[in-house]
Amino acid sequence: MVRQKEGEPCCICPCPCEGLVDVIGKKWVLCALAQLGNEGTLRFNHLAQKLPGISAKTLSDVLKDLRRNGLVKRVAYQEIPPRVEYFLTREGRELTMLVAPLMVWADKKTGLIQLDA
C-alpha cells in the first residue's frame, strides 16, 4: 500500500512488536529496566543516582509509562517521610531477560552500558 497522506502509515503491519518498540524505544527505558532488574527494589532517588544524567521529571515519566504498561510496580508506604519503592513485575522481569542480550551487544559496541553479570 502506498502512503496516501503525509503522516499516515504506508502499510498495515499486524506485528505484535509494534507496541513494544513504542515502550522500550524511548530514551532511558532500557536503562531503568536494567537497574531495576539488577537491584530489585529501588526508591526513586536511588534509581536516579544509578542513572546519571536523567532529570527527575524524565525519570518520573519513564516510571509512569512503565507502570501503565504493567512492567513496573510502585508501592507507596504510609510513613513520615513518605517512602515509595519501584520494582519489576513478572512481565517486566521477562522483558528485561529478553532485552539483556541486546544490551550486552550494545555495550560491546559502545562501552556505555554497565550491566552486572
PDB file of N, CA and C in Angstrom:
ATOM      1  N   MET A   1       0.843  -1.167   0.000  1.00  0.00           N
ATOM      2  CA  MET A   1       0.000   0.000   0.000  1.00  0.00           C
ATOM      3  C   MET A   1       0.892   1.236   0.000  1.00  0.00           C
ATOM      4  N   VAL A   2       0.581   2.196  -0.758  1.00  0.00           N
ATOM      5  CA  VAL A   2       1.336   3.441  -0.863  1.00  0.00           C
ATOM      6  C   VAL A   2       0.720   4.459   0.081  1.00  0.00           C
ATOM      7  N   ARG A   3       1.576   5.235   0.727  1.00  0.00           N
ATOM      8  CA  ARG A   3       1.103   6.259   1.657  1.00  0.00           C
ATOM      9  C   ARG A   3       0.219   7.245   0.912  1.00  0.00           C
ATOM     10  N   GLN A   4      -1.009   7.415   1.399  1.00  0.00           N
ATOM     11  CA  GLN A   4      -1.972   8.300   0.765  1.00  0.00           C
ATOM     12  C   GLN A   4      -1.818   9.746   1.229  1.00  0.00           C
ATOM     13  N   LYS A   5      -1.577   9.931   2.524  1.00  0.00           N
ATOM     14  CA  LYS A   5      -1.458  11.271   3.095  1.00  0.00           C
ATOM     15  C   LYS A   5      -0.234  11.315   3.996  1.00  0.00           C
ATOM     16  N   GLU A   6       0.349  12.483   4.106  1.00  0.00           N
ATOM     17  CA  GLU A   6       1.504  12.666   4.974  1.00  0.00           C
ATOM     18  C   GLU A   6       1.125  12.320   6.408  1.00  0.00           C
ATOM     19  N   GLY A   7       1.959  11.552   7.077  1.00  0.00           N
ATOM     20  CA  GLY A   7       1.712  11.170   8.456  1.00  0.00           C
ATOM     21  C   GLY A   7       0.973   9.857   8.621  1.00  0.00           C
ATOM     22  N   GLU A   8       0.395   9.342   7.559  1.00  0.00           N
ATOM     23  CA  GLU A   8      -0.287   8.059   7.623  1.00  0.00           C
ATOM     24  C   GLU A   8       0.717   6.939   7.386  1.00  0.00           C
ATOM     25  N   PRO A   9       0.495   5.783   8.014  1.00  0.00           N
ATOM     26  CA  PRO A   9       1.414   4.673   7.758  1.00  0.00           C
ATOM     27  C   PRO A   9       1.336   4.230   6.304  1.00  0.00           C
ATOM     28  N   CYS A  10       2.452   3.750   5.771  1.00  0.00           N
ATOM     29  CA  CYS A  10       2.471   3.317   4.373  1.00  0.00           C
ATOM     30  C   CYS A  10       1.932   1.908   4.222  1.00  0.00           C
ATOM     31  N   CYS A  11       1.831   1.182   5.328  1.00  0.00           N
ATOM     32  CA  CYS A  11       1.281  -0.165   5.248  1.00  0.00           C
ATOM     33  C   CYS A  11       0.652  -0.532   6.578  1.00  0.00           C
ATOM     34  N   ILE A  12      -0.152  -1.556   6.560  1.00  0.00           N
ATOM     35  CA  ILE A  12      -0.769  -2.053   7.779  1.00  0.00           C
ATOM     36  C   ILE A  12       0.058  -3.247   8.229  1.00  0.00           C
ATOM     37  N   CYS A  13       0.644  -3.111   9.398  1.00  0.00           N
ATOM     38  CA  CYS A  13       1.527  -4.159   9.913  1.00  0.00           C
ATOM     39  C   CYS A  13       0.931  -4.738  11.191  1.00  0.00           C
ATOM     40  N   PRO A  14       0.486  -5.978  11.152  1.00  0.00           N
ATOM     41  CA  PRO A  14      -0.084  -6.588  12.354  1.00  0.00           C
ATOM     42  C   PRO A  14       0.996  -7.153  13.288  1.00  0.00           C
ATOM     43  N   CYS A  15       2.180  -6.584  13.236  1.00  0.00           N
ATOM     44  CA  CYS A  15       3.304  -7.088  14.026  1.00  0.00           C
ATOM     45  C   CYS A  15       3.046  -6.901  15.523  1.00  0.00           C
ATOM     46  N   PRO A  16       3.181  -7.948  16.327  1.00  0.00           N
ATOM     47  CA  PRO A  16       2.939  -7.819  17.766  1.00  0.00           C
ATOM     48  C   PRO A  16       4.005  -6.980  18.471  1.00  0.00           C
ATOM     49  N   CYS A  17       5.132  -6.741  17.842  1.00  0.00           N
ATOM     50  CA  CYS A  17       6.206  -5.954  18.462  1.00  0.00           C
ATOM     51  C   CYS A  17       6.010  -4.451  18.304  1.00  0.00           C
ATOM     52  N   GLU A  18       5.031  -4.047  17.500  1.00  0.00           N
ATOM     53  CA  GLU A  18       4.840  -2.633  17.223  1.00  0.00           C
ATOM     54  C   GLU A  18       4.662  -1.822  18.503  1.00  0.00           C
ATOM     55  N   GLY A  19       3.787  -2.245  19.395  1.00  0.00           N
ATOM     56  CA  GLY A  19       3.570  -1.530  20.649  1.00  0.00           C
ATOM     57  C   GLY A  19       4.758  -1.628  21.586  1.00  0.00           C
ATOM     58  N   LEU A  20       5.442  -2.758  21.535  1.00  0.00           N
ATOM     59  CA  LEU A  20       6.601  -2.956  22.402  1.00  0.00           C
ATOM     60  C   LEU A  20       7.722  -1.988  22.064  1.00  0.00           C
ATOM     61  N   VAL A  21       7.962  -1.772  20.806  1.00  0.00           N
ATOM     62  CA  VAL A  21       9.014  -0.851  20.380  1.00  0.00           C
ATOM     63  C   VAL A  21       8.682   0.564  20.849  1.00  0.00           C
ATOM     64  N   ASP A  22       7.392   0.913  20.843  1.00  0.00           N
ATOM     65  CA  ASP A  22       6.993   2.229  21.348  1.00  0.00           C
ATOM     66  C   ASP A  22       7.354   2.394  22.817  1.00  0.00           C
ATOM     67  N   VAL A  23       7.297   1.316  23.585  1.00  0.00           N
ATOM     68  CA  VAL A  23       7.605   1.377  25.013  1.00  0.00           C
ATOM     69  C   VAL A  23       9.114   1.364  25.249  1.00  0.00           C
ATOM     70  N   ILE A  24       9.807   0.359  24.732  1.00  0.00           N
ATOM     71  CA  ILE A  24      11.233   0.214  25.060  1.00  0.00           C
ATOM     72  C   ILE A  24      12.136   1.084  24.208  1.00  0.00           C
ATOM     73  N   GLY A  25      11.583   1.691  23.168  1.00  0.00           N
ATOM     74  CA  GLY A  25      12.395   2.523  22.288  1.00  0.00           C
ATOM     75  C   GLY A  25      12.650   3.917  22.829  1.00  0.00           C
ATOM     76  N   LYS A  26      12.009   4.273  23.918  1.00  0.00           N
ATOM     77  CA  LYS A  26      12.190   5.607  24.489  1.00  0.00           C
ATOM     78  C   LYS A  26      13.482   5.669  25.287  1.00  0.00           C
ATOM     79  N   LYS A  27      14.103   6.840  25.247  1.00  0.00           N
ATOM     80  CA  LYS A  27      15.358   7.041  25.964  1.00  0.00           C
ATOM     81  C   LYS A  27      15.157   6.763  27.451  1.00  0.00           C
ATOM     82  N   TRP A  28      16.087   6.111  28.060  1.00  0.00           N
ATOM     83  CA  TRP A  28      16.165   5.786  29.486  1.00  0.00           C
ATOM     84  C   TRP A  28      15.354   4.563  29.886  1.00  0.00           C
ATOM     85  N   VAL A  29      14.446   4.083  29.069  1.00  0.00           N
ATOM     86  CA  VAL A  29      13.595   2.966  29.483  1.00  0.00           C
ATOM     87  C   VAL A  29      14.419   1.705  29.724  1.00  0.00           C
ATOM     88  N   LEU A  30      15.271   1.334  28.774  1.00  0.00           N
ATOM     89  CA  LEU A  30      16.070   0.114  28.949  1.00  0.00           C
ATOM     90  C   LEU A  30      17.033   0.246  30.122  1.00  0.00           C
ATOM     91  N   CYS A  31      17.572   1.430  30.318  1.00  0.00           N
ATOM     92  CA  CYS A  31      18.484   1.646  31.449  1.00  0.00           C
ATOM     93  C   CYS A  31      17.744   1.505  32.773  1.00  0.00           C
ATOM     94  N   ALA A  32      16.543   2.053  32.860  1.00  0.00           N
ATOM     95  CA  ALA A  32      15.742   1.937  34.083  1.00  0.00           C
ATOM     96  C   ALA A  32      15.366   0.477  34.332  1.00  0.00           C
ATOM     97  N   LEU A  33      14.960  -0.227  33.277  1.00  0.00           N
ATOM     98  CA  LEU A  33      14.636  -1.650  33.423  1.00  0.00           C
ATOM     99  C   LEU A  33      15.850  -2.446  33.885  1.00  0.00           C
ATOM    100  N   ALA A  34      17.018  -2.155  33.315  1.00  0.00           N
ATOM    101  CA  ALA A  34      18.235  -2.873  33.691  1.00  0.00           C
ATOM    102  C   ALA A  34      18.581  -2.628  35.151  1.00  0.00           C
ATOM    103  N   GLN A  35      18.474  -1.389  35.612  1.00  0.00           N
ATOM    104  CA  GLN A  35      18.792  -1.088  37.003  1.00  0.00           C
ATOM    105  C   GLN A  35      17.818  -1.769  37.956  1.00  0.00           C
ATOM    106  N   LEU A  36      16.537  -1.721  37.644  1.00  0.00           N
ATOM    107  CA  LEU A  36      15.559  -2.404  38.495  1.00  0.00           C
ATOM    108  C   LEU A  36      15.759  -3.918  38.435  1.00  0.00           C
ATOM    109  N   GLY A  37      16.154  -4.429  37.278  1.00  0.00           N
ATOM    110  CA  GLY A  37      16.438  -5.856  37.159  1.00  0.00           C
ATOM    111  C   GLY A  37      17.657  -6.265  37.965  1.00  0.00           C
ATOM    112  N   ASN A  38      18.678  -5.421  37.986  1.00  0.00           N
ATOM    113  CA  ASN A  38      19.902  -5.723  38.739  1.00  0.00           C
ATOM    114  C   ASN A  38      19.711  -5.556  40.237  1.00  0.00           C
ATOM    115  N   GLU A  39      18.997  -4.517  40.632  1.00  0.00           N
ATOM    116  CA  GLU A  39      18.908  -4.153  42.052  1.00  0.00           C
ATOM    117  C   GLU A  39      17.667  -4.699  42.751  1.00  0.00           C
ATOM    118  N   GLY A  40      16.642  -5.052  42.008  1.00  0.00           N
ATOM    119  CA  GLY A  40      15.398  -5.500  42.623  1.00  0.00           C
ATOM    120  C   GLY A  40      14.492  -4.314  42.902  1.00  0.00           C
ATOM    121  N   THR A  41      14.390  -3.927  44.153  1.00  0.00           N
ATOM    122  CA  THR A  41      13.524  -2.826  44.557  1.00  0.00           C
ATOM    123  C   THR A  41      14.370  -1.589  44.810  1.00  0.00           C
ATOM    124  N   LEU A  42      13.935  -0.464  44.250  1.00  0.00           N
ATOM    125  CA  LEU A  42      14.670   0.794  44.430  1.00  0.00           C
ATOM    126  C   LEU A  42      13.708   1.932  44.724  1.00  0.00           C
ATOM    127  N   ARG A  43      14.157   2.840  45.556  1.00  0.00           N
ATOM    128  CA  ARG A  43      13.438   4.077  45.768  1.00  0.00           C
ATOM    129  C   ARG A  43      13.797   5.029  44.626  1.00  0.00           C
ATOM    130  N   PHE A  44      12.945   6.031  44.431  1.00  0.00           N
ATOM    131  CA  PHE A  44      13.106   6.951  43.305  1.00  0.00           C
ATOM    132  C   PHE A  44      14.499   7.570  43.275  1.00  0.00           C
ATOM    133  N   ASN A  45      14.956   8.138  44.388  1.00  0.00           N
ATOM    134  CA  ASN A  45      16.258   8.817  44.408  1.00  0.00           C
ATOM    135  C   ASN A  45      17.418   7.860  44.184  1.00  0.00           C
ATOM    136  N   HIS A  46      17.296   6.637  44.686  1.00  0.00           N
ATOM    137  CA  HIS A  46      18.361   5.653  44.456  1.00  0.00           C
ATOM    138  C   HIS A  46      18.432   5.275  42.982  1.00  0.00           C
ATOM    139  N   LEU A  47      17.271   5.134  42.355  1.00  0.00           N
ATOM    140  CA  LEU A  47      17.247   4.830  40.922  1.00  0.00           C
ATOM    141  C   LEU A  47      17.830   5.997  40.125  1.00  0.00           C
ATOM    142  N   ALA A  48      17.473   7.220  40.507  1.00  0.00           N
ATOM    143  CA  ALA A  48      18.002   8.403  39.819  1.00  0.00           C
ATOM    144  C   ALA A  48      19.525   8.468  39.940  1.00  0.00           C
ATOM    145  N   GLN A  49      20.065   8.100  41.089  1.00  0.00           N
ATOM    146  CA  GLN A  49      21.521   8.106  41.282  1.00  0.00           C
ATOM    147  C   GLN A  49      22.206   7.088  40.370  1.00  0.00           C
ATOM    148  N   LYS A  50      21.532   6.003  40.087  1.00  0.00           N
ATOM    149  CA  LYS A  50      22.109   4.956  39.234  1.00  0.00           C
ATOM    150  C   LYS A  50      21.989   5.282  37.749  1.00  0.00           C
ATOM    151  N   LEU A  51      21.255   6.364  37.436  1.00  0.00           N
ATOM    152  CA  LEU A  51      21.079   6.798  36.050  1.00  0.00           C
ATOM    153  C   LEU A  51      21.581   8.232  35.913  1.00  0.00           C
ATOM    154  N   PRO A  52      22.906   8.436  35.966  1.00  0.00           N
ATOM    155  CA  PRO A  52      23.427   9.799  35.900  1.00  0.00           C
ATOM    156  C   PRO A  52      23.017  10.485  34.596  1.00  0.00           C
ATOM    157  N   GLY A  53      22.554  11.723  34.739  1.00  0.00           N
ATOM    158  CA  GLY A  53      22.153  12.490  33.576  1.00  0.00           C
ATOM    159  C   GLY A  53      20.653  12.544  33.369  1.00  0.00           C
ATOM    160  N   ILE A  54      19.899  11.705  34.057  1.00  0.00           N
ATOM    161  CA  ILE A  54      18.445  11.727  33.901  1.00  0.00           C
ATOM    162  C   ILE A  54      17.856  12.770  34.851  1.00  0.00           C
ATOM    163  N   SER A  55      16.893  13.535  34.357  1.00  0.00           N
ATOM    164  CA  SER A  55      16.229  14.521  35.221  1.00  0.00           C
ATOM    165  C   SER A  55      15.125  13.819  36.012  1.00  0.00           C
ATOM    166  N   ALA A  56      14.719  14.433  37.110  1.00  0.00           N
ATOM    167  CA  ALA A  56      13.653  13.875  37.938  1.00  0.00           C
ATOM    168  C   ALA A  56      12.357  13.755  37.140  1.00  0.00           C
ATOM    169  N   LYS A  57      12.059  14.742  36.314  1.00  0.00           N
ATOM    170  CA  LYS A  57      10.838  14.700  35.512  1.00  0.00           C
ATOM    171  C   LYS A  57      10.883  13.558  34.507  1.00  0.00           C
ATOM    172  N   THR A  58      12.021  13.398  33.847  1.00  0.00           N
ATOM    173  CA  THR A  58      12.148  12.320  32.863  1.00  0.00           C
ATOM    174  C   THR A  58      12.015  10.963  33.536  1.00  0.00           C
ATOM    175  N   LEU A  59      12.686  10.774  34.684  1.00  0.00           N
ATOM    176  CA  LEU A  59      12.586   9.503  35.391  1.00  0.00           C
ATOM    177  C   LEU A  59      11.148   9.255  35.826  1.00  0.00           C
ATOM    178  N   SER A  60      10.488  10.273  36.314  1.00  0.00           N
ATOM    179  CA  SER A  60       9.086  10.140  36.713  1.00  0.00           C
ATOM    180  C   SER A  60       8.225   9.724  35.522  1.00  0.00           C
ATOM    181  N   ASP A  61       8.447  10.340  34.373  1.00  0.00           N
ATOM    182  CA  ASP A  61       7.693   9.991  33.162  1.00  0.00           C
ATOM    183  C   ASP A  61       7.972   8.559  32.715  1.00  0.00           C
ATOM    184  N   VAL A  62       9.240   8.155  32.774  1.00  0.00           N
ATOM    185  CA  VAL A  62       9.619   6.791  32.392  1.00  0.00           C
ATOM    186  C   VAL A  62       8.925   5.783  33.304  1.00  0.00           C
ATOM    187  N   LEU A  63       8.973   6.029  34.605  1.00  0.00           N
ATOM    188  CA  LEU A  63       8.352   5.101  35.556  1.00  0.00           C
ATOM    189  C   LEU A  63       6.838   5.042  35.383  1.00  0.00           C
ATOM    190  N   LYS A  64       6.209   6.185  35.127  1.00  0.00           N
ATOM    191  CA  LYS A  64       4.757   6.199  34.890  1.00  0.00           C
ATOM    192  C   LYS A  64       4.413   5.385  33.646  1.00  0.00           C
ATOM    193  N   ASP A  65       5.210   5.540  32.595  1.00  0.00           N
ATOM    194  CA  ASP A  65       4.975   4.804  31.366  1.00  0.00           C
ATOM    195  C   ASP A  65       5.156   3.302  31.587  1.00  0.00           C
ATOM    196  N   LEU A  66       6.196   2.930  32.325  1.00  0.00           N
ATOM    197  CA  LEU A  66       6.435   1.513  32.610  1.00  0.00           C
ATOM    198  C   LEU A  66       5.327   0.938  33.491  1.00  0.00           C
ATOM    199  N   ARG A  67       4.834   1.726  34.433  1.00  0.00           N
ATOM    200  CA  ARG A  67       3.705   1.284  35.268  1.00  0.00           C
ATOM    201  C   ARG A  67       2.453   1.098  34.422  1.00  0.00           C
ATOM    202  N   ARG A  68       2.176   2.043  33.557  1.00  0.00           N
ATOM    203  CA  ARG A  68       0.993   1.983  32.686  1.00  0.00           C
ATOM    204  C   ARG A  68       1.025   0.735  31.805  1.00  0.00           C
ATOM    205  N   ASN A  69       2.220   0.306  31.428  1.00  0.00           N
ATOM    206  CA  ASN A  69       2.374  -0.865  30.569  1.00  0.00           C
ATOM    207  C   ASN A  69       2.547  -2.161  31.355  1.00  0.00           C
ATOM    208  N   GLY A  70       2.419  -2.079  32.674  1.00  0.00           N
ATOM    209  CA  GLY A  70       2.460  -3.278  33.505  1.00  0.00           C
ATOM    210  C   GLY A  70       3.846  -3.870  33.702  1.00  0.00           C
ATOM    211  N   LEU A  71       4.893  -3.080  33.491  1.00  0.00           N
ATOM    212  CA  LEU A  71       6.259  -3.592  33.618  1.00  0.00           C
ATOM    213  C   LEU A  71       6.888  -3.261  34.962  1.00  0.00           C
ATOM    214  N   VAL A  72       6.396  -2.228  35.613  1.00  0.00           N
ATOM    215  CA  VAL A  72       6.937  -1.786  36.903  1.00  0.00           C
ATOM    216  C   VAL A  72       5.773  -1.587  37.866  1.00  0.00           C
ATOM    217  N   LYS A  73       6.015  -1.940  39.114  1.00  0.00           N
ATOM    218  CA  LYS A  73       5.031  -1.734  40.185  1.00  0.00           C
ATOM    219  C   LYS A  73       5.569  -0.676  41.132  1.00  0.00           C
ATOM    220  N   ARG A  74       4.667   0.168  41.631  1.00  0.00           N
ATOM    221  CA  ARG A  74       5.008   1.228  42.580  1.00  0.00           C
ATOM    222  C   ARG A  74       4.273   0.941  43.879  1.00  0.00           C
ATOM    223  N   VAL A  75       5.023   0.974  44.983  1.00  0.00           N
ATOM    224  CA  VAL A  75       4.415   0.779  46.296  1.00  0.00           C
ATOM    225  C   VAL A  75       4.714   2.013  47.134  1.00  0.00           C
ATOM    226  N   ALA A  76       3.653   2.659  47.625  1.00  0.00           N
ATOM    227  CA  ALA A  76       3.781   3.836  48.485  1.00  0.00           C
ATOM    228  C   ALA A  76       3.446   3.416  49.910  1.00  0.00           C
ATOM    229  N   TYR A  77       4.359   3.704  50.832  1.00  0.00           N
ATOM    230  CA  TYR A  77       4.161   3.370  52.233  1.00  0.00           C
ATOM    231  C   TYR A  77       3.651   4.597  52.978  1.00  0.00           C
ATOM    232  N   GLN A  78       2.711   4.380  53.874  1.00  0.00           N
ATOM    233  CA  GLN A  78       2.138   5.470  54.661  1.00  0.00           C
ATOM    234  C   GLN A  78       3.046   5.757  55.843  1.00  0.00           C
ATOM    235  N   GLU A  79       4.156   6.435  55.576  1.00  0.00           N
ATOM    236  CA  GLU A  79       5.143   6.773  56.596  1.00  0.00           C
ATOM    237  C   GLU A  79       5.463   8.249  56.491  1.00  0.00           C
ATOM    238  N   ILE A  80       6.081   8.755  57.527  1.00  0.00           N
ATOM    239  CA  ILE A  80       6.595  10.121  57.510  1.00  0.00           C
ATOM    240  C   ILE A  80       8.101  10.002  57.695  1.00  0.00           C
ATOM    241  N   PRO A  81       8.934  10.443  56.792  1.00  0.00           N
ATOM    242  CA  PRO A  81       8.597  10.965  55.465  1.00  0.00           C
ATOM    243  C   PRO A  81       8.086   9.854  54.556  1.00  0.00           C
ATOM    244  N   PRO A  82       7.332  10.226  53.525  1.00  0.00           N
ATOM    245  CA  PRO A  82       6.777   9.217  52.613  1.00  0.00           C
ATOM    246  C   PRO A  82       7.884   8.391  51.954  1.00  0.00           C
ATOM    247  N   ARG A  83       7.582   7.121  51.749  1.00  0.00           N
ATOM    248  CA  ARG A  83       8.534   6.226  51.091  1.00  0.00           C
ATOM    249  C   ARG A  83       7.819   5.541  49.937  1.00  0.00           C
ATOM    250  N   VAL A  84       8.436   5.591  48.757  1.00  0.00           N
ATOM    251  CA  VAL A  84       7.885   4.948  47.554  1.00  0.00           C
ATOM    252  C   VAL A  84       8.975   4.077  46.951  1.00  0.00           C
ATOM    253  N   GLU A  85       8.615   2.857  46.630  1.00  0.00           N
ATOM    254  CA  GLU A  85       9.567   1.924  46.027  1.00  0.00           C
ATOM    255  C   GLU A  85       9.032   1.410  44.698  1.00  0.00           C
ATOM    256  N   TYR A  86       9.964   1.098  43.810  1.00  0.00           N
ATOM    257  CA  TYR A  86       9.634   0.588  42.480  1.00  0.00           C
ATOM    258  C   TYR A  86      10.333  -0.755  42.288  1.00  0.00           C
ATOM    259  N   PHE A  87       9.651  -1.680  41.617  1.00  0.00           N
ATOM    260  CA  PHE A  87      10.251  -2.969  41.275  1.00  0.00           C
ATOM    261  C   PHE A  87       9.578  -3.502  40.021  1.00  0.00           C
ATOM    262  N   LEU A  88      10.248  -4.444  39.363  1.00  0.00           N
ATOM    263  CA  LEU A  88       9.722  -5.032  38.134  1.00  0.00           C
ATOM    264  C   LEU A  88       8.592  -6.005  38.437  1.00  0.00           C
ATOM    265  N   THR A  89       7.587  -6.006  37.598  1.00  0.00           N
ATOM    266  CA  THR A  89       6.553  -7.030  37.656  1.00  0.00           C
ATOM    267  C   THR A  89       7.097  -8.287  36.980  1.00  0.00           C
ATOM    268  N   ARG A  90       6.293  -9.340  36.982  1.00  0.00           N
ATOM    269  CA  ARG A  90       6.709 -10.570  36.295  1.00  0.00           C
ATOM    270  C   ARG A  90       6.974 -10.271  34.823  1.00  0.00           C
ATOM    271  N   GLU A  91       6.077  -9.490  34.197  1.00  0.00           N
ATOM    272  CA  GLU A  91       6.253  -9.135  32.785  1.00  0.00           C
ATOM    273  C   GLU A  91       7.506  -8.281  32.590  1.00  0.00           C
ATOM    274  N   GLY A  92       7.776  -7.394  33.534  1.00  0.00           N
ATOM    275  CA  GLY A  92       8.972  -6.566  33.467  1.00  0.00           C
ATOM    276  C   GLY A  92      10.243  -7.394  33.561  1.00  0.00           C
ATOM    277  N   ARG A  93      10.232  -8.398  34.450  1.00  0.00           N
ATOM    278  CA  ARG A  93      11.401  -9.292  34.564  1.00  0.00           C
ATOM    279  C   ARG A  93      11.584 -10.102  33.290  1.00  0.00           C
ATOM    280  N   GLU A  94      10.481 -10.585  32.720  1.00  0.00           N
ATOM    281  CA  GLU A  94      10.569 -11.340  31.467  1.00  0.00           C
ATOM    282  C   GLU A  94      11.149 -10.480  30.355  1.00  0.00           C
ATOM    283  N   LEU A  95      10.643  -9.258  30.222  1.00  0.00           N
ATOM    284  CA  LEU A  95      11.138  -8.365  29.174  1.00  0.00           C
ATOM    285  C   LEU A  95      12.613  -8.039  29.399  1.00  0.00           C
ATOM    286  N   THR A  96      12.992  -7.796  30.638  1.00  0.00           N
ATOM    287  CA  THR A  96      14.381  -7.469  30.944  1.00  0.00           C
ATOM    288  C   THR A  96      15.306  -8.621  30.559  1.00  0.00           C
ATOM    289  N   MET A  97      14.871  -9.841  30.828  1.00  0.00           N
ATOM    290  CA  MET A  97      15.682 -11.005  30.441  1.00  0.00           C
ATOM    291  C   MET A  97      15.786 -11.133  28.921  1.00  0.00           C
ATOM    292  N   LEU A  98      14.734 -10.752  28.219  1.00  0.00           N
ATOM    293  CA  LEU A  98      14.750 -10.849  26.763  1.00  0.00           C
ATOM    294  C   LEU A  98      15.609  -9.776  26.107  1.00  0.00           C
ATOM    295  N   VAL A  99      15.628  -8.568  26.672  1.00  0.00           N
ATOM    296  CA  VAL A  99      16.416  -7.490  26.065  1.00  0.00           C
ATOM    297  C   VAL A  99      17.842  -7.437  26.602  1.00  0.00           C
ATOM    298  N   ALA A 100      18.144  -8.217  27.645  1.00  0.00           N
ATOM    299  CA  ALA A 100      19.507  -8.222  28.197  1.00  0.00           C
ATOM    300  C   ALA A 100      20.557  -8.564  27.139  1.00  0.00           C
ATOM    301  N   PRO A 101      20.345  -9.580  26.292  1.00  0.00           N
ATOM    302  CA  PRO A 101      21.350  -9.849  25.250  1.00  0.00           C
ATOM    303  C   PRO A 101      21.542  -8.666  24.298  1.00  0.00           C
ATOM    304  N   LEU A 102      20.477  -7.953  23.983  1.00  0.00           N
ATOM    305  CA  LEU A 102      20.583  -6.772  23.139  1.00  0.00           C
ATOM    306  C   LEU A 102      21.437  -5.699  23.827  1.00  0.00           C
ATOM    307  N   MET A 103      21.247  -5.524  25.116  1.00  0.00           N
ATOM    308  CA  MET A 103      22.017  -4.529  25.862  1.00  0.00           C
ATOM    309  C   MET A 103      23.488  -4.938  25.970  1.00  0.00           C
ATOM    310  N   VAL A 104      23.745  -6.218  26.138  1.00  0.00           N
ATOM    311  CA  VAL A 104      25.133  -6.698  26.170  1.00  0.00           C
ATOM    312  C   VAL A 104      25.794  -6.446  24.820  1.00  0.00           C
ATOM    313  N   TRP A 105      25.080  -6.735  23.745  1.00  0.00           N
ATOM    314  CA  TRP A 105      25.610  -6.488  22.403  1.00  0.00           C
ATOM    315  C   TRP A 105      25.901  -4.998  22.223  1.00  0.00           C
ATOM    316  N   ALA A 106      24.963  -4.148  22.647  1.00  0.00           N
ATOM    317  CA  ALA A 106      25.158  -2.701  22.520  1.00  0.00           C
ATOM    318  C   ALA A 106      26.355  -2.239  23.345  1.00  0.00           C
ATOM    319  N   ASP A 107      26.533  -2.825  24.518  1.00  0.00           N
ATOM    320  CA  ASP A 107      27.665  -2.456  25.369  1.00  0.00           C
ATOM    321  C   ASP A 107      28.989  -2.804  24.702  1.00  0.00           C
ATOM    322  N   LYS A 108      29.037  -3.942  24.028  1.00  0.00           N
ATOM    323  CA  LYS A 108      30.254  -4.324  23.311  1.00  0.00           C
ATOM    324  C   LYS A 108      30.581  -3.320  22.209  1.00  0.00           C
ATOM    325  N   LYS A 109      29.524  -2.771  21.603  1.00  0.00           N
ATOM    326  CA  LYS A 109      29.723  -1.816  20.516  1.00  0.00           C
ATOM    327  C   LYS A 109      30.081  -0.418  21.014  1.00  0.00           C
ATOM    328  N   THR A 110      29.510  -0.024  22.165  1.00  0.00           N
ATOM    329  CA  THR A 110      29.693   1.358  22.621  1.00  0.00           C
ATOM    330  C   THR A 110      30.483   1.482  23.909  1.00  0.00           C
ATOM    331  N   GLY A 111      30.403   0.475  24.768  1.00  0.00           N
ATOM    332  CA  GLY A 111      31.070   0.540  26.068  1.00  0.00           C
ATOM    333  C   GLY A 111      30.399   1.492  27.052  1.00  0.00           C
ATOM    334  N   LEU A 112      29.152   1.870  26.786  1.00  0.00           N
ATOM    335  CA  LEU A 112      28.463   2.843  27.644  1.00  0.00           C
ATOM    336  C   LEU A 112      27.604   2.201  28.729  1.00  0.00           C
ATOM    337  N   ILE A 113      27.081   1.017  28.475  1.00  0.00           N
ATOM    338  CA  ILE A 113      26.155   0.377  29.401  1.00  0.00           C
ATOM    339  C   ILE A 113      26.937  -0.500  30.364  1.00  0.00           C
ATOM    340  N   GLN A 114      26.577  -0.416  31.645  1.00  0.00           N
ATOM    341  CA  GLN A 114      27.209  -1.246  32.653  1.00  0.00           C
ATOM    342  C   GLN A 114      26.162  -2.206  33.209  1.00  0.00           C
ATOM    343  N   LEU A 115      26.288  -3.490  32.899  1.00  0.00           N
ATOM    344  CA  LEU A 115      25.363  -4.496  33.396  1.00  0.00           C
ATOM    345  C   LEU A 115      26.105  -5.419  34.342  1.00  0.00           C
ATOM    346  N   ASP A 116      25.428  -5.826  35.418  1.00  0.00           N
ATOM    347  CA  ASP A 116      26.006  -6.810  36.314  1.00  0.00           C
ATOM    348  C   ASP A 116      25.832  -8.184  35.687  1.00  0.00           C
ATOM    349  N   ALA A 117      26.863  -8.984  35.761  1.00  0.00           N
ATOM    350  CA  ALA A 117      26.779 -10.318  35.157  1.00  0.00           C
ATOM    351  C   ALA A 117      26.207 -11.314  36.121  1.00  0.00           C
TER     352      ALA A 117
END
